[in-house]
Full PDB file with SEQRES, HELIX, SHEET, SSBOND, CRYST1, ORIGX, SCALE, CONECT and MASTER records, all heavy atoms in Angstrom:
SEQRES   1 A   44  ASP THR PHE ALA PRO MET GLY PRO TRP LEU VAL THR ALA          
SEQRES   2 A   44  ASP ALA VAL GLY ASP VAL GLN ALA LEU ASP LEU SER LEU          
SEQRES   3 A   44  ASP LEU ASN GLY ALA ARG MET GLN THR GLY THR THR ALA          
SEQRES   4 A   44  ARG MET ILE PHE SER                                          
HELIX    1 AA1 ALA A   13  VAL A   16  1                                   4    
HELIX    2 AA2 THR A   38  ARG A   40  5                                   3    
SHEET    1 AA1 2 ASP A  23  LEU A  28  0                                        
SHEET    2 AA1 2 ALA A  31  THR A  37 -1                                        
CRYST1    1.000    1.000    1.000  90.00  90.00  90.00 P 1           1          
ORIGX1      1.000000  0.000000  0.000000        0.00000                         
ORIGX2      0.000000  1.000000  0.000000        0.00000                         
ORIGX3      0.000000  0.000000  1.000000        0.00000                         
SCALE1      1.000000  0.000000  0.000000        0.00000                         
SCALE2      0.000000  1.000000  0.000000        0.00000                         
SCALE3      0.000000  0.000000  1.000000        0.00000                         
ATOM      1  N   ASP A   1      15.799  35.425   4.170  1.00  0.00           N  
ATOM      2  CA  ASP A   1      15.858  35.253   5.622  1.00  0.00           C  
ATOM      3  C   ASP A   1      14.475  34.885   6.162  1.00  0.00           C  
ATOM      4  O   ASP A   1      13.466  35.486   5.764  1.00  0.00           O  
ATOM      5  CB  ASP A   1      16.334  36.542   6.295  1.00  0.00           C  
ATOM      6  CG  ASP A   1      17.774  36.894   5.951  1.00  0.00           C  
ATOM      7  OD1 ASP A   1      18.473  36.043   5.359  1.00  0.00           O  
ATOM      8  OD2 ASP A   1      18.194  38.023   6.277  1.00  0.00           O  
ATOM      9  N   THR A   2      14.427  33.919   7.065  1.00  0.00           N  
ATOM     10  CA  THR A   2      13.229  33.414   7.755  1.00  0.00           C  
ATOM     11  C   THR A   2      12.348  32.541   6.869  1.00  0.00           C  
ATOM     12  O   THR A   2      11.241  32.185   7.269  1.00  0.00           O  
ATOM     13  CB  THR A   2      12.363  34.534   8.376  1.00  0.00           C  
ATOM     14  OG1 THR A   2      11.675  35.261   7.342  1.00  0.00           O  
ATOM     15  CG2 THR A   2      13.194  35.483   9.223  1.00  0.00           C  
ATOM     16  N   PHE A   3      12.797  32.164   5.686  1.00  0.00           N  
ATOM     17  CA  PHE A   3      11.968  31.394   4.763  1.00  0.00           C  
ATOM     18  C   PHE A   3      12.037  29.883   5.018  1.00  0.00           C  
ATOM     19  O   PHE A   3      11.591  29.108   4.171  1.00  0.00           O  
ATOM     20  CB  PHE A   3      12.344  31.704   3.313  1.00  0.00           C  
ATOM     21  CG  PHE A   3      11.558  32.844   2.696  1.00  0.00           C  
ATOM     22  CD1 PHE A   3      11.015  33.838   3.484  1.00  0.00           C  
ATOM     23  CD2 PHE A   3      11.370  32.927   1.325  1.00  0.00           C  
ATOM     24  CE1 PHE A   3      10.294  34.884   2.930  1.00  0.00           C  
ATOM     25  CE2 PHE A   3      10.643  33.956   0.750  1.00  0.00           C  
ATOM     26  CZ  PHE A   3      10.097  34.939   1.548  1.00  0.00           C  
ATOM     27  N   ALA A   4      12.553  29.478   6.174  1.00  0.00           N  
ATOM     28  CA  ALA A   4      12.561  28.053   6.518  1.00  0.00           C  
ATOM     29  C   ALA A   4      12.263  27.859   8.002  1.00  0.00           C  
ATOM     30  O   ALA A   4      13.117  27.378   8.759  1.00  0.00           O  
ATOM     31  CB  ALA A   4      13.889  27.398   6.146  1.00  0.00           C  
ATOM     32  N   PRO A   5      11.062  28.224   8.468  1.00  0.00           N  
ATOM     33  CA  PRO A   5      10.707  27.872   9.840  1.00  0.00           C  
ATOM     34  C   PRO A   5      10.846  26.364  10.033  1.00  0.00           C  
ATOM     35  O   PRO A   5      10.371  25.578   9.215  1.00  0.00           O  
ATOM     36  CB  PRO A   5       9.248  28.319   9.954  1.00  0.00           C  
ATOM     37  CG  PRO A   5       9.075  29.360   8.887  1.00  0.00           C  
ATOM     38  CD  PRO A   5       9.971  28.929   7.766  1.00  0.00           C  
ATOM     39  N   MET A   6      11.512  25.972  11.125  1.00  0.00           N  
ATOM     40  CA  MET A   6      11.812  24.559  11.356  1.00  0.00           C  
ATOM     41  C   MET A   6      11.466  24.202  12.796  1.00  0.00           C  
ATOM     42  O   MET A   6      11.728  24.967  13.708  1.00  0.00           O  
ATOM     43  CB  MET A   6      13.299  24.283  11.084  1.00  0.00           C  
ATOM     44  CG  MET A   6      13.692  22.817  11.085  1.00  0.00           C  
ATOM     45  SD  MET A   6      15.470  22.575  10.723  1.00  0.00           S  
ATOM     46  CE  MET A   6      15.555  23.187   9.038  1.00  0.00           C  
ATOM     47  N   GLY A   7      10.880  23.024  12.983  1.00  0.00           N  
ATOM     48  CA  GLY A   7      10.543  22.557  14.315  1.00  0.00           C  
ATOM     49  C   GLY A   7       9.032  22.504  14.498  1.00  0.00           C  
ATOM     50  O   GLY A   7       8.272  22.558  13.526  1.00  0.00           O  
ATOM     51  N   PRO A   8       8.565  22.358  15.756  1.00  0.00           N  
ATOM     52  CA  PRO A   8       9.307  22.628  16.987  1.00  0.00           C  
ATOM     53  C   PRO A   8      10.202  21.492  17.486  1.00  0.00           C  
ATOM     54  O   PRO A   8      11.167  21.734  18.187  1.00  0.00           O  
ATOM     55  CB  PRO A   8       8.184  22.878  18.002  1.00  0.00           C  
ATOM     56  CG  PRO A   8       7.062  22.014  17.510  1.00  0.00           C  
ATOM     57  CD  PRO A   8       7.133  22.081  16.020  1.00  0.00           C  
ATOM     58  N   TRP A   9       9.872  20.248  17.089  1.00  0.00           N  
ATOM     59  CA  TRP A   9      10.561  19.121  17.699  1.00  0.00           C  
ATOM     60  C   TRP A   9      11.410  18.368  16.681  1.00  0.00           C  
ATOM     61  O   TRP A   9      11.174  18.406  15.469  1.00  0.00           O  
ATOM     62  CB  TRP A   9       9.559  18.133  18.298  1.00  0.00           C  
ATOM     63  CG  TRP A   9       8.385  18.703  19.032  1.00  0.00           C  
ATOM     64  CD1 TRP A   9       7.080  18.377  18.854  1.00  0.00           C  
ATOM     65  CD2 TRP A   9       8.400  19.682  20.076  1.00  0.00           C  
ATOM     66  NE1 TRP A   9       6.280  19.079  19.703  1.00  0.00           N  
ATOM     67  CE2 TRP A   9       7.056  19.892  20.470  1.00  0.00           C  
ATOM     68  CE3 TRP A   9       9.416  20.392  20.714  1.00  0.00           C  
ATOM     69  CZ2 TRP A   9       6.702  20.797  21.472  1.00  0.00           C  
ATOM     70  CZ3 TRP A   9       9.059  21.294  21.704  1.00  0.00           C  
ATOM     71  CH2 TRP A   9       7.733  21.491  22.074  1.00  0.00           C  
ATOM     72  N   LEU A  10      12.397  17.654  17.200  1.00  0.00           N  
ATOM     73  CA  LEU A  10      13.104  16.601  16.478  1.00  0.00           C  
ATOM     74  C   LEU A  10      12.631  15.293  17.100  1.00  0.00           C  
ATOM     75  O   LEU A  10      12.917  15.023  18.267  1.00  0.00           O  
ATOM     76  CB  LEU A  10      14.619  16.753  16.623  1.00  0.00           C  
ATOM     77  CG  LEU A  10      15.470  15.563  16.148  1.00  0.00           C  
ATOM     78  CD1 LEU A  10      15.273  15.305  14.663  1.00  0.00           C  
ATOM     79  CD2 LEU A  10      16.948  15.809  16.468  1.00  0.00           C  
ATOM     80  N   VAL A  11      11.872  14.514  16.347  1.00  0.00           N  
ATOM     81  CA  VAL A  11      11.235  13.311  16.866  1.00  0.00           C  
ATOM     82  C   VAL A  11      11.924  12.086  16.272  1.00  0.00           C  
ATOM     83  O   VAL A  11      12.045  11.975  15.041  1.00  0.00           O  
ATOM     84  CB  VAL A  11       9.727  13.296  16.536  1.00  0.00           C  
ATOM     85  CG1 VAL A  11       9.054  12.088  17.164  1.00  0.00           C  
ATOM     86  CG2 VAL A  11       9.065  14.583  17.020  1.00  0.00           C  
ATOM     87  N   THR A  12      12.376  11.185  17.126  1.00  0.00           N  
ATOM     88  CA  THR A  12      13.095  10.006  16.655  1.00  0.00           C  
ATOM     89  C   THR A  12      12.130   9.047  15.945  1.00  0.00           C  
ATOM     90  O   THR A  12      10.922   9.054  16.172  1.00  0.00           O  
ATOM     91  CB  THR A  12      13.804   9.287  17.805  1.00  0.00           C  
ATOM     92  OG1 THR A  12      12.852   8.987  18.834  1.00  0.00           O  
ATOM     93  CG2 THR A  12      14.911  10.165  18.387  1.00  0.00           C  
ATOM     94  N   ALA A  13      12.717   8.222  15.086  1.00  0.00           N  
ATOM     95  CA  ALA A  13      11.914   7.363  14.219  1.00  0.00           C  
ATOM     96  C   ALA A  13      10.988   6.441  15.004  1.00  0.00           C  
ATOM     97  O   ALA A  13       9.848   6.197  14.588  1.00  0.00           O  
ATOM     98  CB  ALA A  13      12.835   6.542  13.309  1.00  0.00           C  
ATOM     99  N   ASP A  14      11.450   5.937  16.148  1.00  0.00           N  
ATOM    100  CA  ASP A  14      10.621   5.012  16.920  1.00  0.00           C  
ATOM    101  C   ASP A  14       9.367   5.684  17.452  1.00  0.00           C  
ATOM    102  O   ASP A  14       8.344   5.022  17.682  1.00  0.00           O  
ATOM    103  CB  ASP A  14      11.431   4.396  18.065  1.00  0.00           C  
ATOM    104  CG  ASP A  14      11.998   5.434  19.019  1.00  0.00           C  
ATOM    105  OD1 ASP A  14      12.466   6.479  18.530  1.00  0.00           O  
ATOM    106  OD2 ASP A  14      11.994   5.208  20.238  1.00  0.00           O  
ATOM    107  N   ALA A  15       9.414   6.992  17.636  1.00  0.00           N  
ATOM    108  CA  ALA A  15       8.248   7.731  18.118  1.00  0.00           C  
ATOM    109  C   ALA A  15       7.345   8.197  16.975  1.00  0.00           C  
ATOM    110  O   ALA A  15       6.190   8.552  17.208  1.00  0.00           O  
ATOM    111  CB  ALA A  15       8.684   8.933  18.949  1.00  0.00           C  
ATOM    112  N   VAL A  16       7.866   8.186  15.758  1.00  0.00           N  
ATOM    113  CA  VAL A  16       7.098   8.644  14.599  1.00  0.00           C  
ATOM    114  C   VAL A  16       6.221   7.522  14.035  1.00  0.00           C  
ATOM    115  O   VAL A  16       5.092   7.739  13.610  1.00  0.00           O  
ATOM    116  CB  VAL A  16       8.046   9.190  13.502  1.00  0.00           C  
ATOM    117  CG1 VAL A  16       7.304   9.402  12.183  1.00  0.00           C  
ATOM    118  CG2 VAL A  16       8.668  10.498  13.963  1.00  0.00           C  
ATOM    119  N   GLY A  17       6.740   6.301  14.023  1.00  0.00           N  
ATOM    120  CA  GLY A  17       6.022   5.203  13.392  1.00  0.00           C  
ATOM    121  C   GLY A  17       6.252   5.200  11.891  1.00  0.00           C  
ATOM    122  O   GLY A  17       7.360   5.496  11.418  1.00  0.00           O  
ATOM    123  N   ASP A  18       5.227   4.905  11.126  1.00  0.00           N  
ATOM    124  CA  ASP A  18       5.347   4.814   9.668  1.00  0.00           C  
ATOM    125  C   ASP A  18       5.457   6.216   9.086  1.00  0.00           C  
ATOM    126  O   ASP A  18       4.481   6.975   9.053  1.00  0.00           O  
ATOM    127  CB  ASP A  18       4.135   4.083   9.095  1.00  0.00           C  
ATOM    128  CG  ASP A  18       4.235   3.861   7.591  1.00  0.00           C  
ATOM    129  OD1 ASP A  18       5.209   4.325   6.973  1.00  0.00           O  
ATOM    130  OD2 ASP A  18       3.311   3.229   7.037  1.00  0.00           O  
ATOM    131  N   VAL A  19       6.642   6.546   8.605  1.00  0.00           N  
ATOM    132  CA  VAL A  19       6.876   7.899   8.099  1.00  0.00           C  
ATOM    133  C   VAL A  19       6.113   8.154   6.798  1.00  0.00           C  
ATOM    134  O   VAL A  19       5.947   9.310   6.395  1.00  0.00           O  
ATOM    135  CB  VAL A  19       8.392   8.146   7.935  1.00  0.00           C  
ATOM    136  CG1 VAL A  19       8.956   7.399   6.722  1.00  0.00           C  
ATOM    137  CG2 VAL A  19       8.695   9.626   7.820  1.00  0.00           C  
ATOM    138  N   GLN A  20       5.625   7.094   6.159  1.00  0.00           N  
ATOM    139  CA  GLN A  20       4.835   7.262   4.936  1.00  0.00           C  
ATOM    140  C   GLN A  20       3.331   7.236   5.219  1.00  0.00           C  
ATOM    141  O   GLN A  20       2.531   6.975   4.336  1.00  0.00           O  
ATOM    142  CB  GLN A  20       5.208   6.185   3.917  1.00  0.00           C  
ATOM    143  CG  GLN A  20       6.660   6.216   3.468  1.00  0.00           C  
ATOM    144  CD  GLN A  20       7.124   7.532   2.859  1.00  0.00           C  
ATOM    145  OE1 GLN A  20       8.287   7.860   2.903  1.00  0.00           O  
ATOM    146  NE2 GLN A  20       6.210   8.308   2.283  1.00  0.00           N  
ATOM    147  N   ALA A  21       2.974   7.554   6.470  1.00  0.00           N  
ATOM    148  CA  ALA A  21       1.554   7.602   6.833  1.00  0.00           C  
ATOM    149  C   ALA A  21       1.292   8.756   7.793  1.00  0.00           C  
ATOM    150  O   ALA A  21       0.551   8.614   8.760  1.00  0.00           O  
ATOM    151  CB  ALA A  21       1.117   6.276   7.443  1.00  0.00           C  
ATOM    152  N   LEU A  22       1.901   9.911   7.513  1.00  0.00           N  
ATOM    153  CA  LEU A  22       1.754  11.082   8.367  1.00  0.00           C  
ATOM    154  C   LEU A  22       0.835  12.104   7.696  1.00  0.00           C  
ATOM    155  O   LEU A  22       0.913  12.341   6.487  1.00  0.00           O  
ATOM    156  CB  LEU A  22       3.118  11.724   8.647  1.00  0.00           C  
ATOM    157  CG  LEU A  22       4.175  10.834   9.307  1.00  0.00           C  
ATOM    158  CD1 LEU A  22       5.471  11.622   9.501  1.00  0.00           C  
ATOM    159  CD2 LEU A  22       3.691  10.277  10.629  1.00  0.00           C  
ATOM    160  N   ASP A  23      -0.023  12.734   8.491  1.00  0.00           N  
ATOM    161  CA  ASP A  23      -0.920  13.772   7.994  1.00  0.00           C  
ATOM    162  C   ASP A  23      -0.248  15.137   8.114  1.00  0.00           C  
ATOM    163  O   ASP A  23       0.384  15.438   9.138  1.00  0.00           O  
ATOM    164  CB  ASP A  23      -2.224  13.784   8.788  1.00  0.00           C  
ATOM    165  CG  ASP A  23      -3.027  12.505   8.606  1.00  0.00           C  
ATOM    166  OD1 ASP A  23      -2.978  11.935   7.497  1.00  0.00           O  
ATOM    167  OD2 ASP A  23      -3.687  12.072   9.572  1.00  0.00           O  
ATOM    168  N   LEU A  24      -0.387  15.964   7.086  1.00  0.00           N  
ATOM    169  CA  LEU A  24       0.168  17.310   7.054  1.00  0.00           C  
ATOM    170  C   LEU A  24      -0.951  18.310   6.836  1.00  0.00           C  
ATOM    171  O   LEU A  24      -1.916  18.027   6.128  1.00  0.00           O  
ATOM    172  CB  LEU A  24       1.185  17.476   5.921  1.00  0.00           C  
ATOM    173  CG  LEU A  24       2.341  16.489   5.770  1.00  0.00           C  
ATOM    174  CD1 LEU A  24       1.931  15.281   4.935  1.00  0.00           C  
ATOM    175  CD2 LEU A  24       3.543  17.166   5.114  1.00  0.00           C  
ATOM    176  N   SER A  25      -0.807  19.507   7.425  1.00  0.00           N  
ATOM    177  CA  SER A  25      -1.796  20.552   7.175  1.00  0.00           C  
ATOM    178  C   SER A  25      -1.162  21.918   7.371  1.00  0.00           C  
ATOM    179  O   SER A  25      -0.157  22.069   8.080  1.00  0.00           O  
ATOM    180  CB  SER A  25      -3.011  20.410   8.095  1.00  0.00           C  
ATOM    181  OG  SER A  25      -2.664  20.672   9.440  1.00  0.00           O  
ATOM    182  N   LEU A  26      -1.768  22.914   6.730  1.00  0.00           N  
ATOM    183  CA  LEU A  26      -1.396  24.316   6.941  1.00  0.00           C  
ATOM    184  C   LEU A  26      -2.651  25.156   6.914  1.00  0.00           C  
ATOM    185  O   LEU A  26      -3.462  25.057   5.982  1.00  0.00           O  
ATOM    186  CB  LEU A  26      -0.403  24.793   5.875  1.00  0.00           C  
ATOM    187  CG  LEU A  26       0.136  26.218   6.081  1.00  0.00           C  
ATOM    188  CD1 LEU A  26       1.590  26.338   5.650  1.00  0.00           C  
ATOM    189  CD2 LEU A  26      -0.719  27.262   5.328  1.00  0.00           C  
ATOM    190  N   ASP A  27      -2.831  25.950   7.971  1.00  0.00           N  
ATOM    191  CA  ASP A  27      -3.941  26.897   8.058  1.00  0.00           C  
ATOM    192  C   ASP A  27      -3.388  28.312   7.915  1.00  0.00           C  
ATOM    193  O   ASP A  27      -2.321  28.632   8.462  1.00  0.00           O  
ATOM    194  CB  ASP A  27      -4.663  26.785   9.396  1.00  0.00           C  
ATOM    195  CG  ASP A  27      -5.368  25.448   9.593  1.00  0.00           C  
ATOM    196  OD1 ASP A  27      -5.483  24.684   8.614  1.00  0.00           O  
ATOM    197  OD2 ASP A  27      -5.780  25.167  10.731  1.00  0.00           O  
ATOM    198  N   LEU A  28      -4.119  29.146   7.211  1.00  0.00           N  
ATOM    199  CA  LEU A  28      -3.773  30.561   7.068  1.00  0.00           C  
ATOM    200  C   LEU A  28      -4.905  31.377   7.657  1.00  0.00           C  
ATOM    201  O   LEU A  28      -6.046  31.305   7.176  1.00  0.00           O  
ATOM    202  CB  LEU A  28      -3.560  30.909   5.592  1.00  0.00           C  
ATOM    203  CG  LEU A  28      -3.122  32.344   5.310  1.00  0.00           C  
ATOM    204  CD1 LEU A  28      -1.703  32.590   5.834  1.00  0.00           C  
ATOM    205  CD2 LEU A  28      -3.193  32.654   3.819  1.00  0.00           C  
ATOM    206  N   ASN A  29      -4.609  32.107   8.722  1.00  0.00           N  
ATOM    207  CA  ASN A  29      -5.610  32.925   9.406  1.00  0.00           C  
ATOM    208  C   ASN A  29      -6.844  32.094   9.782  1.00  0.00           C  
ATOM    209  O   ASN A  29      -7.981  32.563   9.690  1.00  0.00           O  
ATOM    210  CB  ASN A  29      -6.021  34.115   8.533  1.00  0.00           C  
ATOM    211  CG  ASN A  29      -4.840  34.968   8.125  1.00  0.00           C  
ATOM    212  OD1 ASN A  29      -3.835  35.040   8.838  1.00  0.00           O  
ATOM    213  ND2 ASN A  29      -4.932  35.601   6.968  1.00  0.00           N  
ATOM    214  N   GLY A  30      -6.594  30.852  10.191  1.00  0.00           N  
ATOM    215  CA  GLY A  30      -7.681  29.996  10.641  1.00  0.00           C  
ATOM    216  C   GLY A  30      -8.389  29.217   9.558  1.00  0.00           C  
ATOM    217  O   GLY A  30      -9.255  28.389   9.858  1.00  0.00           O  
ATOM    218  N   ALA A  31      -8.050  29.442   8.293  1.00  0.00           N  
ATOM    219  CA  ALA A  31      -8.680  28.734   7.177  1.00  0.00           C  
ATOM    220  C   ALA A  31      -7.725  27.677   6.636  1.00  0.00           C  
ATOM    221  O   ALA A  31      -6.543  27.965   6.400  1.00  0.00           O  
ATOM    222  CB  ALA A  31      -9.072  29.708   6.070  1.00  0.00           C  
ATOM    223  N   ARG A  32      -8.228  26.470   6.428  1.00  0.00           N  
ATOM    224  CA  ARG A  32      -7.378  25.388   5.944  1.00  0.00           C  
ATOM    225  C   ARG A  32      -6.957  25.641   4.492  1.00  0.00           C  
ATOM    226  O   ARG A  32      -7.776  25.849   3.616  1.00  0.00           O  
ATOM    227  CB  ARG A  32      -8.134  24.058   6.070  1.00  0.00           C  
ATOM    228  CG  ARG A  32      -7.391  22.821   5.564  1.00  0.00           C  
ATOM    229  CD  ARG A  32      -6.058  22.575   6.273  1.00  0.00           C  
ATOM    230  NE  ARG A  32      -6.141  22.612   7.706  1.00  0.00           N  
ATOM    231  CZ  ARG A  32      -6.409  21.547   8.475  1.00  0.00           C  
ATOM    232  NH1 ARG A  32      -6.644  20.371   7.910  1.00  0.00           N  
ATOM    233  NH2 ARG A  32      -6.447  21.656   9.789  1.00  0.00           N  
ATOM    234  N   MET A  33      -5.669  25.619   4.244  1.00  0.00           N  
ATOM    235  CA  MET A  33      -5.104  25.775   2.911  1.00  0.00           C  
ATOM    236  C   MET A  33      -4.563  24.449   2.369  1.00  0.00           C  
ATOM    237  O   MET A  33      -4.792  24.096   1.224  1.00  0.00           O  
ATOM    238  CB  MET A  33      -3.978  26.823   2.931  1.00  0.00           C  
ATOM    239  CG  MET A  33      -4.424  28.217   3.278  1.00  0.00           C  
ATOM    240  SD  MET A  33      -5.388  28.978   1.963  1.00  0.00           S  
ATOM    241  CE  MET A  33      -6.809  29.549   2.875  1.00  0.00           C  
ATOM    242  N   GLN A  34      -3.808  23.738   3.201  1.00  0.00           N  
ATOM    243  CA  GLN A  34      -3.191  22.495   2.767  1.00  0.00           C  
ATOM    244  C   GLN A  34      -3.628  21.338   3.655  1.00  0.00           C  
ATOM    245  O   GLN A  34      -3.628  21.462   4.882  1.00  0.00           O  
ATOM    246  CB  GLN A  34      -1.661  22.587   2.807  1.00  0.00           C  
ATOM    247  CG  GLN A  34      -1.063  23.499   1.743  1.00  0.00           C  
ATOM    248  CD  GLN A  34       0.457  23.399   1.724  1.00  0.00           C  
ATOM    249  OE1 GLN A  34       1.128  24.086   2.473  1.00  0.00           O  
ATOM    250  NE2 GLN A  34       0.984  22.544   0.864  1.00  0.00           N  
ATOM    251  N   THR A  35      -3.968  20.240   3.025  1.00  0.00           N  
ATOM    252  CA  THR A  35      -4.236  18.987   3.719  1.00  0.00           C  
ATOM    253  C   THR A  35      -3.594  17.890   2.883  1.00  0.00           C  
ATOM    254  O   THR A  35      -3.805  17.828   1.667  1.00  0.00           O  
ATOM    255  CB  THR A  35      -5.743  18.716   3.852  1.00  0.00           C  
ATOM    256  OG1 THR A  35      -6.357  19.785   4.573  1.00  0.00           O  
ATOM    257  CG2 THR A  35      -5.984  17.413   4.586  1.00  0.00           C  
ATOM    258  N   GLY A  36      -2.809  17.043   3.512  1.00  0.00           N  
ATOM    259  CA  GLY A  36      -2.148  15.998   2.748  1.00  0.00           C  
ATOM    260  C   GLY A  36      -1.676  14.873   3.630  1.00  0.00           C  
ATOM    261  O   GLY A  36      -1.828  14.890   4.851  1.00  0.00           O  
ATOM    262  N   THR A  37      -1.097  13.883   2.998  1.00  0.00           N  
ATOM    263  CA  THR A  37      -0.520  12.744   3.684  1.00  0.00           C  
ATOM    264  C   THR A  37       0.746  12.315   2.971  1.00  0.00           C  
ATOM    265  O   THR A  37       0.815  12.367   1.729  1.00  0.00           O  
ATOM    266  CB  THR A  37      -1.508  11.558   3.743  1.00  0.00           C  
ATOM    267  OG1 THR A  37      -0.817  10.389   4.214  1.00  0.00           O  
ATOM    268  CG2 THR A  37      -2.102  11.246   2.376  1.00  0.00           C  
ATOM    269  N   THR A  38       1.731  11.893   3.742  1.00  0.00           N  
ATOM    270  CA  THR A  38       2.986  11.431   3.137  1.00  0.00           C  
ATOM    271  C   THR A  38       2.782  10.156   2.323  1.00  0.00           C  
ATOM    272  O   THR A  38       3.683   9.768   1.577  1.00  0.00           O  
ATOM    273  CB  THR A  38       4.063  11.203   4.204  1.00  0.00           C  
ATOM    274  OG1 THR A  38       3.576  10.270   5.190  1.00  0.00           O  
ATOM    275  CG2 THR A  38       4.440  12.505   4.888  1.00  0.00           C  
ATOM    276  N   ALA A  39       1.620   9.524   2.442  1.00  0.00           N  
ATOM    277  CA  ALA A  39       1.315   8.368   1.595  1.00  0.00           C  
ATOM    278  C   ALA A  39       1.239   8.764   0.121  1.00  0.00           C  
ATOM    279  O   ALA A  39       1.357   7.899  -0.762  1.00  0.00           O  
ATOM    280  CB  ALA A  39       0.008   7.717   2.035  1.00  0.00           C  
ATOM    281  N   ARG A  40       1.030  10.060  -0.161  1.00  0.00           N  
ATOM    282  CA  ARG A  40       0.921  10.526  -1.551  1.00  0.00           C  
ATOM    283  C   ARG A  40       2.249  10.996  -2.115  1.00  0.00           C  
ATOM    284  O   ARG A  40       2.292  11.567  -3.210  1.00  0.00           O  
ATOM    285  CB  ARG A  40      -0.108  11.665  -1.639  1.00  0.00           C  
ATOM    286  CG  ARG A  40      -1.531  11.291  -1.282  1.00  0.00           C  
ATOM    287  CD  ARG A  40      -2.154  10.278  -2.240  1.00  0.00           C  
ATOM    288  NE  ARG A  40      -2.205  10.734  -3.614  1.00  0.00           N  
ATOM    289  CZ  ARG A  40      -3.232  11.411  -4.145  1.00  0.00           C  
ATOM    290  NH1 ARG A  40      -4.270  11.726  -3.389  1.00  0.00           N  
ATOM    291  NH2 ARG A  40      -3.221  11.760  -5.411  1.00  0.00           N  
ATOM    292  N   MET A  41       3.343  10.761  -1.374  1.00  0.00           N  
ATOM    293  CA  MET A  41       4.657  11.099  -1.928  1.00  0.00           C  
ATOM    294  C   MET A  41       4.942  10.277  -3.182  1.00  0.00           C  
ATOM    295  O   MET A  41       4.671   9.074  -3.224  1.00  0.00           O  
ATOM    296  CB  MET A  41       5.758  10.831  -0.898  1.00  0.00           C  
ATOM    297  CG  MET A  41       5.936  11.887   0.158  1.00  0.00           C  
ATOM    298  SD  MET A  41       7.378  11.462   1.186  1.00  0.00           S  
ATOM    299  CE  MET A  41       7.462  12.904   2.224  1.00  0.00           C  
ATOM    300  N   ILE A  42       5.509  10.921  -4.178  1.00  0.00           N  
ATOM    301  CA  ILE A  42       5.961  10.212  -5.372  1.00  0.00           C  
ATOM    302  C   ILE A  42       7.205   9.393  -5.043  1.00  0.00           C  
ATOM    303  O   ILE A  42       7.325   8.223  -5.424  1.00  0.00           O  
ATOM    304  CB  ILE A  42       6.235  11.213  -6.515  1.00  0.00           C  
ATOM    305  CG1 ILE A  42       4.950  11.953  -6.888  1.00  0.00           C  
ATOM    306  CG2 ILE A  42       6.826  10.508  -7.733  1.00  0.00           C  
ATOM    307  CD1 ILE A  42       5.161  13.149  -7.801  1.00  0.00           C  
ATOM    308  N   PHE A  43       8.132  10.005  -4.324  1.00  0.00           N  
ATOM    309  CA  PHE A  43       9.360   9.335  -3.904  1.00  0.00           C  
ATOM    310  C   PHE A  43       9.372   9.273  -2.380  1.00  0.00           C  
ATOM    311  O   PHE A  43       9.243  10.290  -1.703  1.00  0.00           O  
ATOM    312  CB  PHE A  43      10.595  10.085  -4.419  1.00  0.00           C  
ATOM    313  CG  PHE A  43      10.589  10.269  -5.920  1.00  0.00           C  
ATOM    314  CD1 PHE A  43      10.288  11.504  -6.480  1.00  0.00           C  
ATOM    315  CD2 PHE A  43      10.855   9.212  -6.760  1.00  0.00           C  
ATOM    316  CE1 PHE A  43      10.263  11.687  -7.845  1.00  0.00           C  
ATOM    317  CE2 PHE A  43      10.831   9.372  -8.146  1.00  0.00           C  
ATOM    318  CZ  PHE A  43      10.531  10.609  -8.693  1.00  0.00           C  
ATOM    319  N   SER A  44       9.539   8.082  -1.830  1.00  0.00           N  
ATOM    320  CA  SER A  44       9.509   7.882  -0.386  1.00  0.00           C  
ATOM    321  C   SER A  44      10.723   8.504   0.280  1.00  0.00           C  
ATOM    322  O   SER A  44      11.722   8.834  -0.380  1.00  0.00           O  
ATOM    323  CB  SER A  44       9.468   6.388  -0.075  1.00  0.00           C  
ATOM    324  OG  SER A  44      10.709   5.782  -0.420  1.00  0.00           O  
TER     325      SER A  44                                                      
MASTER        0    0    0    2    2    0    0    6  324    1    0    4          
END                                                                             
């Protein structure tokens, strides 16, 4: 239970632009843990 936080938004494709050029990040207690880009996906 609660292992899939989702959102906050549902953004349509026209507002997203190139879905294979999005930056992702996750901070834990203010410290950066994850930094990435969808350009590094193995499968689009």
